Protein backbone atom coordinates (compact mmCIF):
# COMPACT_ATOMS: atom_id res chain seq x y z
CA MET A 1 18.62 8.67 -6.62
CA ALA A 2 19.70 11.63 -4.45
CA ASP A 3 16.59 12.19 -2.66
CA PHE A 4 15.87 8.75 -1.85
CA GLU A 5 16.66 7.18 1.48
CA TYR A 6 17.78 3.92 2.41
CA LEU A 7 16.11 1.57 4.61
CA ALA A 8 17.36 -1.87 4.63
CA THR A 9 19.57 -4.28 2.80
CA THR A 10 17.86 -7.50 1.63
CA ARG A 11 19.41 -11.24 2.36
CA ASN A 12 20.45 -11.68 -1.07
CA GLY A 13 22.58 -8.48 -1.00
CA TYR A 14 20.57 -5.66 -2.80
CA ARG A 15 20.20 -2.47 -1.28
CA VAL A 16 16.49 -1.26 -0.63
CA PHE A 17 15.77 2.80 -0.87
CA MET A 18 12.54 4.82 -1.26
CA ASP A 19 11.50 8.50 -2.07
CA PRO A 20 10.46 9.89 1.36
CA LYS A 21 8.01 12.46 0.05
CA HIS A 22 6.53 11.18 -2.91
CA SER A 23 6.09 7.80 -3.09
CA HIS A 24 3.23 5.56 -1.85
CA ALA A 25 5.45 3.92 0.71
CA ALA A 26 6.00 7.50 2.34
CA THR A 27 2.24 7.64 3.03
CA HIS A 28 1.56 4.45 4.22
CA LEU A 29 4.57 5.06 6.39
CA ALA A 30 3.49 8.07 7.56
CA ASP A 31 -0.33 6.75 8.29
CA THR A 32 1.10 3.72 10.10
CA PRO A 33 3.28 3.77 13.07
CA GLY A 34 5.29 0.93 13.39
CA LEU A 35 5.44 0.31 9.67
CA ARG A 36 8.86 1.04 9.14
CA SER A 37 10.93 -0.96 11.58
CA VAL A 38 8.64 -4.26 10.05
CA THR A 39 9.31 -3.08 6.66
CA GLU A 40 12.94 -2.84 7.43
CA GLU A 41 13.06 -6.42 9.45
CA VAL A 42 11.08 -8.12 6.42
CA ILE A 43 13.26 -6.19 4.08
CA SER A 44 16.59 -7.90 5.68
CA ILE A 45 14.55 -11.70 4.81
CA LEU A 46 13.81 -11.24 1.07
CA ALA A 47 15.94 -12.25 -1.51
CA PRO A 48 14.25 -10.50 -4.54
CA MET A 49 15.03 -11.66 -7.80
CA ASN A 50 12.58 -9.59 -10.49
CA ASP A 51 12.71 -6.37 -11.66
CA ASN A 52 9.53 -5.55 -10.05
CA GLN A 53 7.21 -7.35 -7.75
CA VAL A 54 4.81 -7.62 -5.16
CA ILE A 55 6.06 -9.55 -1.87
CA THR A 56 3.36 -10.49 0.94
CA THR A 57 4.84 -11.83 3.84
CA ASP A 58 3.18 -13.33 6.75
CA MET A 59 5.38 -12.37 9.95
CA GLU A 60 3.35 -14.98 12.24
CA ARG A 61 2.45 -12.45 14.71
CA ILE A 62 0.01 -9.52 14.55
CA ILE A 63 2.17 -6.63 13.26
CA GLY A 64 -0.78 -3.93 12.90
CA TYR A 65 -4.14 -3.17 11.48
CA THR A 66 -5.52 -3.70 7.88
CA ASP A 67 -8.07 -0.97 6.60
CA LEU A 68 -9.15 -3.34 3.75
CA VAL A 69 -12.68 -4.08 4.68
CA GLU A 70 -15.01 -6.39 2.37
CA THR A 71 -18.15 -4.26 1.72
CA THR A 72 -22.14 -4.69 1.55
CA GLU A 73 -24.61 -2.56 0.07
CA ASN A 74 -25.60 -1.31 3.29
CA ASP A 75 -22.38 0.42 3.95
CA GLU A 76 -21.80 4.27 3.39
CA ILE A 77 -19.43 4.44 0.63
CA ILE A 78 -16.92 7.82 -0.18
CA TYR A 79 -14.12 8.10 -2.67
CA ALA A 80 -11.22 10.37 -2.72
CA LYS A 81 -8.00 10.50 -3.95
CA ARG A 82 -5.03 9.72 -1.38
CA LEU A 83 -1.93 11.57 -0.87
CA ASN A 84 0.88 11.20 -3.53
CA ARG A 85 -2.08 9.40 -6.02
CA ASP A 86 -4.03 10.44 -9.00
CA ASN A 87 -6.93 8.08 -8.98
CA PHE A 88 -9.37 7.59 -6.67
CA THR A 89 -9.77 5.33 -3.78
CA ARG A 90 -13.06 3.28 -2.37
CA PHE A 91 -13.39 4.23 1.14
CA VAL A 92 -16.10 2.81 3.49
CA LYS A 93 -17.47 4.90 6.65
CA GLY A 94 -18.18 3.98 10.17
CA ARG A 95 -16.39 0.92 10.04
CA SER A 96 -12.74 -0.44 11.54
CA PRO A 97 -9.82 -1.82 10.87
CA SER A 98 -8.69 -5.33 11.96
CA THR A 99 -5.28 -7.04 13.18
CA SER A 100 -3.32 -8.61 10.36
CA SER A 101 0.32 -10.41 10.51
CA LEU A 102 0.71 -9.63 6.67
CA ILE A 103 2.61 -7.34 5.40
CA THR A 104 3.00 -6.38 1.59
CA MET A 105 5.42 -4.75 -0.21
CA VAL A 106 6.16 -3.71 -4.30
CA LEU A 107 9.89 -3.55 -5.33
CA ARG A 108 10.61 -1.81 -8.45
CA LYS A 109 14.65 -2.71 -9.30
CA PHE A 110 16.99 0.27 -10.13
CA ASP A 111 19.25 0.20 -13.07
CA ASP A 112 22.22 -0.09 -10.53
CA GLY A 113 20.65 -3.47 -9.26
CA SER A 114 19.21 -1.73 -6.25
CA TYR A 115 15.78 -1.50 -5.36
CA GLU A 116 12.84 1.11 -4.77
CA LEU A 117 10.21 0.46 -2.19
CA TRP A 118 7.40 1.67 -4.16
CA SER A 119 4.47 0.75 -1.47
CA VAL A 120 4.22 -1.05 1.77
CA TRP A 121 0.92 -1.85 3.62
CA ILE A 122 -0.17 -4.37 6.57
CA GLY A 123 -2.74 -6.40 5.01
CA PRO A 124 -3.11 -8.60 1.86
CA ASN A 125 -2.42 -7.86 -1.86
CA ALA A 126 -5.11 -6.65 -3.85
CA PRO A 127 -5.82 -5.54 -7.26
CA THR A 128 -4.60 -1.77 -7.87
CA PHE A 129 -7.69 0.62 -7.62
CA PRO A 130 -9.58 0.99 -11.30
CA GLY A 131 -8.58 4.00 -12.97
CA GLY A 132 -4.80 3.90 -12.28
CA ASP A 133 -1.90 2.80 -14.75
CA HIS A 134 -1.79 -0.82 -13.88
CA GLU A 135 -5.49 -1.64 -13.75
CA THR A 136 -6.73 -5.25 -14.37
CA PRO A 137 -9.56 -6.62 -15.08
CA GLU A 138 -9.85 -8.09 -11.63
CA SER A 139 -9.63 -4.13 -10.06
CA TYR A 140 -13.46 -3.48 -11.01
CA THR A 141 -14.51 -6.48 -9.24
CA PHE A 142 -12.33 -6.21 -6.34
CA TRP A 143 -13.18 -3.01 -5.33
CA GLU A 144 -16.89 -2.92 -6.05
CA ASN A 145 -16.93 -5.28 -2.78
CA HIS A 146 -13.96 -4.01 -0.61
CA ALA A 147 -12.78 -0.78 0.66
CA LEU A 148 -10.21 0.80 2.64
CA VAL A 149 -11.80 2.13 6.34
CA TRP A 150 -12.26 5.79 6.19
CA GLY A 151 -9.94 8.00 8.38
CA THR A 152 -7.22 6.07 8.37
CA GLN A 153 -5.61 7.32 5.58
CA GLU A 154 -4.77 11.11 4.68
CA VAL A 155 -6.76 12.43 1.68
CA GLN A 156 -6.24 15.13 -0.75
CA PRO A 157 -8.41 18.05 0.52
CA GLY A 158 -11.38 18.37 -2.04
CA THR A 159 -11.50 15.19 -3.49
CA GLU A 160 -14.02 13.39 -1.86
CA THR A 161 -17.38 12.32 -3.40
CA THR A 162 -19.79 9.79 -3.28
CA GLU A 163 -20.04 9.35 -6.67
CA ARG A 164 -18.02 6.48 -8.35
CA PRO A 165 -15.35 8.09 -10.39
CA TRP A 166 -14.76 4.67 -12.19
C-alpha cells in the first residue's frame, strides 16, 4: 500500500485510500474539478460494512456534471479506451453533460480492514461496460442505449473506433 494515497476516514472508522496513478478513481478525479473534495466529504459520512460495494449518495445539492446520457439512433457514437482501462467505452459526440446531485463510489476492502476507492464519479450507478471482468447481462442492454459525452474524459490515443467492439 506504499503507493496509495490516504483520502479520508469513514464514519465507522475505516481509512480509505486510492491509487493516484493506476486506478479508475485517479482518472475521474483528474477529469472532474472539485470531485476530490466531494469524495472526501462523502467518505466521512459513509459507514461501509461489505468487502466490495458500490455506493450512490444524493448530496441534495448540485455537485457537478454527469457525462452519462441516454442515446438514440440519431446520435453519433464512437468507442475508445479510457485511461487505466482495458475495455472500450461508448461515447456520444455533440451532446453536453447535465448537472447532478449524485456521486457514486466503488469501494474495495483491503485485508487490513481499510478500503480502496477503486472508482468515483458524479452521477448515478450504471452497469459496467461490456467486455470487462465485471460485465453483467444488463451491461449490453444499458450501454446500447447510453453513452458518456465525448470530450469529457481522457482516452488512450489511437483507440478510437466507430465499430462496436463488443
